[in-house]
Amino acid sequence: PALYRDARPGETVCFDDGRINGIIDRVGNGKLEIRVTHTRREREFLGSGRGVNVPRTHLNLPALSDEDRADLAFVAEHADLVGLSFVNGPADVRQLREELERLGRRDIGVVLKIETRRGIENLPDILLEALRFDACGVMIARGDLAVECGFERLAALQDYILALCEAAQLPVVWATQVMESLAKRGHPTRAEVTDAAAGQAAECLMLNKGPHIVEALTMLDTIVRDAERRRSKGDALAAPLRLPDFPND
């Protein structure tokens, strides 16, 4: 419901990881009128349960919904780690920390997923707040991040997140489509092999499930071990950093 309240004409809407993109022409009566401006194929179908991104819309939503708070009670009792998706600012991190402290689980591990423009813009303050946790890491959620900020900016944003987390001495999870063709179809692409090697700059690489996941893990192990022999992580803790520009499209 907040989308219909906060969206404005002229803002971008992306469906299904950017397969279908459009511009909001009209807002009213609990619906949006969207003019489709891009599809990956000449004819696209939009199924149910697909993701929706509104990268230029400032959604006024709390980091934790009532359902999230109920889930956290179970998490606090049974889990070793909790992930917070779509982190936009330090207040989101603070809400999670205060809720975990209320539940008596300040010690639980936390992973903050960076996947929005606002998350990138507020990353230094987010990391400062993250350092208040006993154990915290950052996930580069490349799927939504690419849609939110532009595929052409993804490589620069990866480097930016890695460098800032290196300075803060926080571990990084490199996620989304790591060795995915191999895991799902049994044969890797050349691009994902080199992508996996570049992921050595992070502390963790995350794979999605698939029928060939064992082969994917085996190949990933070989790639990363070889990459570690040929290069090392940077050790500069306070190098000058500039946030990539987000020009209006």
C-alpha atoms as a PDB file:
ATOM      1  CA  PRO A   1       0.000   0.000   0.000  1.00  0.00           C
ATOM      2  CA  ALA A   2       2.871   2.435   0.684  1.00  0.00           C
ATOM      3  CA  LEU A   3       3.822   2.291  -3.000  1.00  0.00           C
ATOM      4  CA  TYR A   4       0.520   3.882  -4.051  1.00  0.00           C
ATOM      5  CA  ARG A   5       0.943   6.516  -1.335  1.00  0.00           C
ATOM      6  CA  ASP A   6       4.573   7.468  -2.020  1.00  0.00           C
ATOM      7  CA  ALA A   7       5.057   6.972  -5.776  1.00  0.00           C
ATOM      8  CA  ARG A   8       5.025   9.997  -8.073  1.00  0.00           C
ATOM      9  CA  PRO A   9       4.551  10.415 -11.848  1.00  0.00           C
ATOM     10  CA  GLY A  10       7.849  10.276 -13.739  1.00  0.00           C
ATOM     11  CA  GLU A  11       9.450   7.725 -11.423  1.00  0.00           C
ATOM     12  CA  THR A  12      10.810   4.409 -12.681  1.00  0.00           C
ATOM     13  CA  VAL A  13       9.327   0.971 -11.988  1.00  0.00           C
ATOM     14  CA  CYS A  14      11.248  -2.246 -12.761  1.00  0.00           C
ATOM     15  CA  PHE A  15       9.697  -5.720 -12.781  1.00  0.00           C
ATOM     16  CA  ASP A  16      11.354  -9.137 -12.514  1.00  0.00           C
ATOM     17  CA  ASP A  17      15.009  -8.049 -12.111  1.00  0.00           C
ATOM     18  CA  GLY A  18      14.632  -5.377 -14.793  1.00  0.00           C
ATOM     19  CA  ARG A  19      13.174  -7.615 -17.509  1.00  0.00           C
ATOM     20  CA  ILE A  20      10.346  -5.087 -17.836  1.00  0.00           C
ATOM     21  CA  ASN A  21      10.860  -1.389 -17.075  1.00  0.00           C
ATOM     22  CA  GLY A  22       8.438   1.502 -17.171  1.00  0.00           C
ATOM     23  CA  ILE A  23       7.637   5.052 -16.118  1.00  0.00           C
ATOM     24  CA  ILE A  24       4.743   6.003 -13.840  1.00  0.00           C
ATOM     25  CA  ASP A  25       2.354   8.221 -15.801  1.00  0.00           C
ATOM     26  CA  ARG A  26      -0.469   8.500 -13.266  1.00  0.00           C
ATOM     27  CA  VAL A  27      -1.098   7.737  -9.599  1.00  0.00           C
ATOM     28  CA  GLY A  28      -4.533   7.506  -8.018  1.00  0.00           C
ATOM     29  CA  ASN A  29      -7.326   5.396  -6.562  1.00  0.00           C
ATOM     30  CA  GLY A  30      -4.992   2.688  -5.303  1.00  0.00           C
ATOM     31  CA  LYS A  31      -3.323   1.991  -8.638  1.00  0.00           C
ATOM     32  CA  LEU A  32      -0.462   3.141 -10.833  1.00  0.00           C
ATOM     33  CA  GLU A  33      -0.651   3.708 -14.568  1.00  0.00           C
ATOM     34  CA  ILE A  34       2.729   2.652 -15.972  1.00  0.00           C
ATOM     35  CA  ARG A  35       4.037   3.168 -19.494  1.00  0.00           C
ATOM     36  CA  VAL A  36       6.388   0.315 -20.438  1.00  0.00           C
ATOM     37  CA  THR A  37       9.655   1.659 -21.852  1.00  0.00           C
ATOM     38  CA  HIS A  38      11.860  -1.441 -22.026  1.00  0.00           C
ATOM     39  CA  THR A  39      11.571  -5.223 -22.295  1.00  0.00           C
ATOM     40  CA  ARG A  40      14.418  -7.686 -22.735  1.00  0.00           C
ATOM     41  CA  ARG A  41      12.522  -9.543 -25.434  1.00  0.00           C
ATOM     42  CA  GLU A  42      10.071  -8.266 -28.025  1.00  0.00           C
ATOM     43  CA  ARG A  43       7.294 -10.059 -26.158  1.00  0.00           C
ATOM     44  CA  GLU A  44       7.505 -10.436 -22.378  1.00  0.00           C
ATOM     45  CA  PHE A  45       5.221 -12.132 -19.862  1.00  0.00           C
ATOM     46  CA  LEU A  46       5.016 -11.018 -16.241  1.00  0.00           C
ATOM     47  CA  GLY A  47       4.249 -13.867 -13.859  1.00  0.00           C
ATOM     48  CA  SER A  48       3.063 -13.710 -10.269  1.00  0.00           C
ATOM     49  CA  GLY A  49       5.486 -13.472  -7.381  1.00  0.00           C
ATOM     50  CA  ARG A  50       8.044 -11.412  -9.310  1.00  0.00           C
ATOM     51  CA  GLY A  51      10.083  -8.613  -7.788  1.00  0.00           C
ATOM     52  CA  VAL A  52       9.220  -4.938  -8.172  1.00  0.00           C
ATOM     53  CA  ASN A  53      11.843  -2.191  -7.797  1.00  0.00           C
ATOM     54  CA  VAL A  54      11.122   1.529  -7.538  1.00  0.00           C
ATOM     55  CA  PRO A  55      14.657   2.990  -7.429  1.00  0.00           C
ATOM     56  CA  ARG A  56      13.624   6.660  -7.448  1.00  0.00           C
ATOM     57  CA  THR A  57      10.656   6.389  -5.101  1.00  0.00           C
ATOM     58  CA  HIS A  58      11.243   7.270  -1.455  1.00  0.00           C
ATOM     59  CA  LEU A  59       9.140   4.628   0.269  1.00  0.00           C
ATOM     60  CA  ASN A  60       8.389   5.677   3.832  1.00  0.00           C
ATOM     61  CA  LEU A  61       8.488   2.220   5.399  1.00  0.00           C
ATOM     62  CA  PRO A  62       9.870   0.959   8.714  1.00  0.00           C
ATOM     63  CA  ALA A  63      12.849  -1.405   8.500  1.00  0.00           C
ATOM     64  CA  LEU A  64      10.931  -3.964  10.561  1.00  0.00           C
ATOM     65  CA  SER A  65       7.273  -4.733   9.964  1.00  0.00           C
ATOM     66  CA  ASP A  66       5.036  -6.319  12.607  1.00  0.00           C
ATOM     67  CA  GLU A  67       5.564  -9.651  10.822  1.00  0.00           C
ATOM     68  CA  ASP A  68       9.345  -9.147  10.967  1.00  0.00           C
ATOM     69  CA  ARG A  69       9.214  -8.551  14.713  1.00  0.00           C
ATOM     70  CA  ALA A  70       7.194 -11.733  15.197  1.00  0.00           C
ATOM     71  CA  ASP A  71       9.690 -13.679  13.082  1.00  0.00           C
ATOM     72  CA  LEU A  72      12.613 -12.248  15.063  1.00  0.00           C
ATOM     73  CA  ALA A  73      11.262 -13.822  18.243  1.00  0.00           C
ATOM     74  CA  PHE A  74      11.638 -17.238  16.587  1.00  0.00           C
ATOM     75  CA  VAL A  75      15.017 -16.272  15.105  1.00  0.00           C
ATOM     76  CA  ALA A  76      16.305 -15.156  18.509  1.00  0.00           C
ATOM     77  CA  GLU A  77      15.444 -18.530  19.997  1.00  0.00           C
ATOM     78  CA  HIS A  78      16.726 -20.819  17.243  1.00  0.00           C
ATOM     79  CA  ALA A  79      19.161 -19.098  14.850  1.00  0.00           C
ATOM     80  CA  ASP A  80      22.817 -18.082  14.868  1.00  0.00           C
ATOM     81  CA  LEU A  81      22.453 -15.343  12.280  1.00  0.00           C
ATOM     82  CA  VAL A  82      19.824 -12.960  10.886  1.00  0.00           C
ATOM     83  CA  GLY A  83      19.811 -11.079   7.581  1.00  0.00           C
ATOM     84  CA  LEU A  84      18.279  -7.618   7.073  1.00  0.00           C
ATOM     85  CA  SER A  85      17.199  -6.946   3.488  1.00  0.00           C
ATOM     86  CA  PHE A  86      16.924  -3.565   1.736  1.00  0.00           C
ATOM     87  CA  VAL A  87      18.924  -1.613   4.320  1.00  0.00           C
ATOM     88  CA  ASN A  88      18.450   2.075   3.446  1.00  0.00           C
ATOM     89  CA  GLY A  89      20.043   3.911   6.353  1.00  0.00           C
ATOM     90  CA  PRO A  90      21.500   3.665   9.858  1.00  0.00           C
ATOM     91  CA  ALA A  91      18.047   3.902  11.461  1.00  0.00           C
ATOM     92  CA  ASP A  92      17.167   0.522   9.873  1.00  0.00           C
ATOM     93  CA  VAL A  93      20.223  -1.061  11.495  1.00  0.00           C
ATOM     94  CA  ARG A  94      19.459   0.613  14.811  1.00  0.00           C
ATOM     95  CA  GLN A  95      15.905  -0.768  14.829  1.00  0.00           C
ATOM     96  CA  LEU A  96      17.195  -4.302  14.317  1.00  0.00           C
ATOM     97  CA  ARG A  97      19.827  -3.939  17.051  1.00  0.00           C
ATOM     98  CA  GLU A  98      17.315  -2.575  19.557  1.00  0.00           C
ATOM     99  CA  GLU A  99      14.859  -5.380  18.798  1.00  0.00           C
ATOM    100  CA  LEU A 100      17.550  -8.060  19.191  1.00  0.00           C
ATOM    101  CA  GLU A 101      18.677  -6.484  22.457  1.00  0.00           C
ATOM    102  CA  ARG A 102      15.073  -6.546  23.686  1.00  0.00           C
ATOM    103  CA  LEU A 103      14.975 -10.267  22.836  1.00  0.00           C
ATOM    104  CA  GLY A 104      18.233 -10.860  24.711  1.00  0.00           C
ATOM    105  CA  ARG A 105      20.242 -11.763  21.587  1.00  0.00           C
ATOM    106  CA  ARG A 106      22.799  -9.012  21.194  1.00  0.00           C
ATOM    107  CA  ASP A 107      25.298 -11.780  20.389  1.00  0.00           C
ATOM    108  CA  ILE A 108      23.514 -13.033  17.261  1.00  0.00           C
ATOM    109  CA  GLY A 109      25.313 -12.602  13.919  1.00  0.00           C
ATOM    110  CA  VAL A 110      23.863 -10.036  11.512  1.00  0.00           C
ATOM    111  CA  VAL A 111      24.209  -9.658   7.736  1.00  0.00           C
ATOM    112  CA  LEU A 112      23.122  -6.350   6.202  1.00  0.00           C
ATOM    113  CA  LYS A 113      22.048  -6.605   2.558  1.00  0.00           C
ATOM    114  CA  ILE A 114      23.010  -3.550   0.491  1.00  0.00           C
ATOM    115  CA  GLU A 115      20.731  -3.484  -2.538  1.00  0.00           C
ATOM    116  CA  THR A 116      19.232   0.015  -2.952  1.00  0.00           C
ATOM    117  CA  ARG A 117      20.383   3.484  -4.006  1.00  0.00           C
ATOM    118  CA  ARG A 118      19.684   4.835  -0.548  1.00  0.00           C
ATOM    119  CA  GLY A 119      21.708   1.996   0.946  1.00  0.00           C
ATOM    120  CA  ILE A 120      24.690   2.954  -1.205  1.00  0.00           C
ATOM    121  CA  GLU A 121      24.307   6.667  -0.487  1.00  0.00           C
ATOM    122  CA  ASN A 122      24.137   6.043   3.280  1.00  0.00           C
ATOM    123  CA  LEU A 123      26.699   3.233   3.404  1.00  0.00           C
ATOM    124  CA  PRO A 124      29.318   4.991   5.610  1.00  0.00           C
ATOM    125  CA  ASP A 125      26.701   5.757   8.281  1.00  0.00           C
ATOM    126  CA  ILE A 126      25.220   2.255   7.941  1.00  0.00           C
ATOM    127  CA  LEU A 127      28.631   0.702   8.604  1.00  0.00           C
ATOM    128  CA  LEU A 128      29.251   2.931  11.614  1.00  0.00           C
ATOM    129  CA  GLU A 129      25.968   1.725  13.098  1.00  0.00           C
ATOM    130  CA  ALA A 130      26.796  -1.878  12.147  1.00  0.00           C
ATOM    131  CA  LEU A 131      29.967  -1.733  14.241  1.00  0.00           C
ATOM    132  CA  ARG A 132      27.758  -1.615  17.348  1.00  0.00           C
ATOM    133  CA  PHE A 133      26.850  -5.278  16.788  1.00  0.00           C
ATOM    134  CA  ASP A 134      29.040  -7.975  18.328  1.00  0.00           C
ATOM    135  CA  ALA A 135      29.254  -9.707  14.932  1.00  0.00           C
ATOM    136  CA  CYS A 136      28.147  -8.130  11.658  1.00  0.00           C
ATOM    137  CA  GLY A 137      28.827  -8.472   7.937  1.00  0.00           C
ATOM    138  CA  VAL A 138      27.581  -6.981   4.673  1.00  0.00           C
ATOM    139  CA  MET A 139      26.104  -8.725   1.651  1.00  0.00           C
ATOM    140  CA  ILE A 140      26.507  -7.233  -1.831  1.00  0.00           C
ATOM    141  CA  ALA A 141      23.046  -8.199  -3.098  1.00  0.00           C
ATOM    142  CA  ARG A 142      23.901  -7.747  -6.752  1.00  0.00           C
ATOM    143  CA  GLY A 143      20.510  -8.651  -8.209  1.00  0.00           C
ATOM    144  CA  ASP A 144      18.489  -5.779  -6.791  1.00  0.00           C
ATOM    145  CA  LEU A 145      21.542  -3.511  -6.634  1.00  0.00           C
ATOM    146  CA  ALA A 146      21.987  -3.707 -10.416  1.00  0.00           C
ATOM    147  CA  VAL A 147      18.315  -2.943 -11.038  1.00  0.00           C
ATOM    148  CA  GLU A 148      18.247  -0.109  -8.505  1.00  0.00           C
ATOM    149  CA  CYS A 149      21.472   1.612  -9.580  1.00  0.00           C
ATOM    150  CA  GLY A 150      22.015   0.482 -13.185  1.00  0.00           C
ATOM    151  CA  PHE A 151      23.827  -2.570 -14.512  1.00  0.00           C
ATOM    152  CA  GLU A 152      26.604  -0.377 -15.922  1.00  0.00           C
ATOM    153  CA  ARG A 153      27.418   0.864 -12.394  1.00  0.00           C
ATOM    154  CA  LEU A 154      27.466  -2.531 -10.677  1.00  0.00           C
ATOM    155  CA  ALA A 155      31.225  -3.153 -10.971  1.00  0.00           C
ATOM    156  CA  ALA A 156      32.056   0.260  -9.482  1.00  0.00           C
ATOM    157  CA  LEU A 157      29.533  -0.241  -6.674  1.00  0.00           C
ATOM    158  CA  GLN A 158      31.012  -3.643  -5.820  1.00  0.00           C
ATOM    159  CA  ASP A 159      34.443  -2.087  -5.464  1.00  0.00           C
ATOM    160  CA  TYR A 160      33.017   0.777  -3.406  1.00  0.00           C
ATOM    161  CA  ILE A 161      31.292  -1.557  -0.932  1.00  0.00           C
ATOM    162  CA  LEU A 162      34.356  -3.804  -0.677  1.00  0.00           C
ATOM    163  CA  ALA A 163      36.690  -0.871  -0.033  1.00  0.00           C
ATOM    164  CA  LEU A 164      34.456   0.708   2.601  1.00  0.00           C
ATOM    165  CA  CYS A 165      33.927  -2.605   4.394  1.00  0.00           C
ATOM    166  CA  GLU A 166      37.682  -3.238   4.273  1.00  0.00           C
ATOM    167  CA  ALA A 167      38.218   0.100   6.007  1.00  0.00           C
ATOM    168  CA  ALA A 168      35.582  -0.807   8.613  1.00  0.00           C
ATOM    169  CA  GLN A 169      37.034  -4.346   8.929  1.00  0.00           C
ATOM    170  CA  LEU A 170      33.625  -5.900   8.273  1.00  0.00           C
ATOM    171  CA  PRO A 171      33.369  -9.153   6.261  1.00  0.00           C
ATOM    172  CA  VAL A 172      31.589  -9.114   2.903  1.00  0.00           C
ATOM    173  CA  VAL A 173      29.365 -11.722   1.238  1.00  0.00           C
ATOM    174  CA  TRP A 174      29.514 -11.661  -2.601  1.00  0.00           C
ATOM    175  CA  ALA A 175      26.066 -12.847  -3.748  1.00  0.00           C
ATOM    176  CA  THR A 176      23.752 -13.328  -6.743  1.00  0.00           C
ATOM    177  CA  GLN A 177      24.325 -15.682  -9.700  1.00  0.00           C
ATOM    178  CA  VAL A 178      27.712 -16.971  -8.541  1.00  0.00           C
ATOM    179  CA  MET A 179      28.409 -20.009 -10.776  1.00  0.00           C
ATOM    180  CA  GLU A 180      24.672 -20.146 -11.461  1.00  0.00           C
ATOM    181  CA  SER A 181      24.800 -21.710 -14.937  1.00  0.00           C
ATOM    182  CA  LEU A 182      26.955 -24.534 -13.603  1.00  0.00           C
ATOM    183  CA  ALA A 183      24.795 -25.086 -10.512  1.00  0.00           C
ATOM    184  CA  LYS A 184      21.527 -25.111 -12.488  1.00  0.00           C
ATOM    185  CA  ARG A 185      22.501 -26.489 -15.910  1.00  0.00           C
ATOM    186  CA  GLY A 186      25.788 -28.295 -15.376  1.00  0.00           C
ATOM    187  CA  HIS A 187      27.975 -26.038 -17.530  1.00  0.00           C
ATOM    188  CA  PRO A 188      29.585 -22.709 -16.520  1.00  0.00           C
ATOM    189  CA  THR A 189      29.808 -19.595 -18.654  1.00  0.00           C
ATOM    190  CA  ARG A 190      33.173 -17.921 -19.151  1.00  0.00           C
ATOM    191  CA  ALA A 191      31.878 -14.721 -17.563  1.00  0.00           C
ATOM    192  CA  GLU A 192      30.830 -16.401 -14.338  1.00  0.00           C
ATOM    193  CA  VAL A 193      34.206 -18.120 -13.971  1.00  0.00           C
ATOM    194  CA  THR A 194      36.026 -14.781 -14.035  1.00  0.00           C
ATOM    195  CA  ASP A 195      33.319 -13.287 -11.807  1.00  0.00           C
ATOM    196  CA  ALA A 196      33.943 -16.019  -9.234  1.00  0.00           C
ATOM    197  CA  ALA A 197      37.669 -15.297  -9.329  1.00  0.00           C
ATOM    198  CA  ALA A 198      36.998 -11.593  -8.705  1.00  0.00           C
ATOM    199  CA  GLY A 199      34.839 -12.607  -5.750  1.00  0.00           C
ATOM    200  CA  GLN A 200      38.033 -13.597  -3.944  1.00  0.00           C
ATOM    201  CA  ALA A 201      38.097  -9.971  -2.807  1.00  0.00           C
ATOM    202  CA  ALA A 202      35.205 -10.795  -0.458  1.00  0.00           C
ATOM    203  CA  GLU A 203      35.244 -13.048   2.604  1.00  0.00           C
ATOM    204  CA  CYS A 204      32.382 -15.245   1.391  1.00  0.00           C
ATOM    205  CA  LEU A 205      30.786 -16.241  -1.921  1.00  0.00           C
ATOM    206  CA  MET A 206      27.160 -17.366  -1.872  1.00  0.00           C
ATOM    207  CA  LEU A 207      25.745 -19.868  -4.361  1.00  0.00           C
ATOM    208  CA  ASN A 208      22.109 -20.549  -5.135  1.00  0.00           C
ATOM    209  CA  LYS A 209      20.717 -24.061  -5.160  1.00  0.00           C
ATOM    210  CA  GLY A 210      20.692 -26.291  -8.231  1.00  0.00           C
ATOM    211  CA  PRO A 211      20.998 -29.942  -9.267  1.00  0.00           C
ATOM    212  CA  HIS A 212      24.732 -29.499  -9.958  1.00  0.00           C
ATOM    213  CA  ILE A 213      25.583 -27.613  -6.780  1.00  0.00           C
ATOM    214  CA  VAL A 214      28.335 -30.063  -5.746  1.00  0.00           C
ATOM    215  CA  GLU A 215      30.145 -29.566  -9.068  1.00  0.00           C
ATOM    216  CA  ALA A 216      29.713 -25.797  -8.697  1.00  0.00           C
ATOM    217  CA  LEU A 217      31.228 -25.845  -5.195  1.00  0.00           C
ATOM    218  CA  THR A 218      34.131 -27.988  -6.382  1.00  0.00           C
ATOM    219  CA  MET A 219      34.932 -25.679  -9.291  1.00  0.00           C
ATOM    220  CA  LEU A 220      34.468 -22.580  -7.123  1.00  0.00           C
ATOM    221  CA  ASP A 221      36.952 -23.971  -4.605  1.00  0.00           C
ATOM    222  CA  THR A 222      39.530 -24.462  -7.369  1.00  0.00           C
ATOM    223  CA  ILE A 223      38.946 -20.984  -8.842  1.00  0.00           C
ATOM    224  CA  VAL A 224      39.164 -19.149  -5.516  1.00  0.00           C
ATOM    225  CA  ARG A 225      42.222 -21.052  -4.280  1.00  0.00           C
ATOM    226  CA  ASP A 226      44.003 -20.247  -7.538  1.00  0.00           C
ATOM    227  CA  ALA A 227      42.942 -16.583  -7.301  1.00  0.00           C
ATOM    228  CA  GLU A 228      44.242 -16.393  -3.718  1.00  0.00           C
ATOM    229  CA  ARG A 229      47.669 -17.584  -4.874  1.00  0.00           C
ATOM    230  CA  ARG A 230      47.816 -14.890  -7.551  1.00  0.00           C
ATOM    231  CA  ARG A 231      46.458 -11.896  -5.648  1.00  0.00           C
ATOM    232  CA  SER A 232      45.789 -10.712  -2.126  1.00  0.00           C
ATOM    233  CA  LYS A 233      43.128  -8.518  -0.566  1.00  0.00           C
ATOM    234  CA  GLY A 234      43.963  -4.844  -0.259  1.00  0.00           C
ATOM    235  CA  ASP A 235      45.208  -3.757   3.122  1.00  0.00           C
ATOM    236  CA  ALA A 236      44.534  -0.005   2.895  1.00  0.00           C
ATOM    237  CA  LEU A 237      42.115   0.875   5.683  1.00  0.00           C
ATOM    238  CA  ALA A 238      41.443   4.528   4.907  1.00  0.00           C
ATOM    239  CA  ALA A 239      41.899   5.115   1.188  1.00  0.00           C
ATOM    240  CA  PRO A 240      39.954   8.087  -0.278  1.00  0.00           C
ATOM    241  CA  LEU A 241      36.620   6.877  -1.643  1.00  0.00           C
ATOM    242  CA  ARG A 242      34.080   8.554  -3.899  1.00  0.00           C
ATOM    243  CA  LEU A 243      30.492   7.471  -4.288  1.00  0.00           C
ATOM    244  CA  PRO A 244      29.675   6.756  -7.964  1.00  0.00           C
ATOM    245  CA  ASP A 245      27.439   9.383  -9.513  1.00  0.00           C
ATOM    246  CA  PHE A 246      23.786   8.590 -10.152  1.00  0.00           C
ATOM    247  CA  PRO A 247      22.880  10.915 -13.045  1.00  0.00           C
ATOM    248  CA  ASN A 248      19.225  11.296 -13.876  1.00  0.00           C
ATOM    249  CA  ASP A 249      18.411   9.001 -16.776  1.00  0.00           C
END
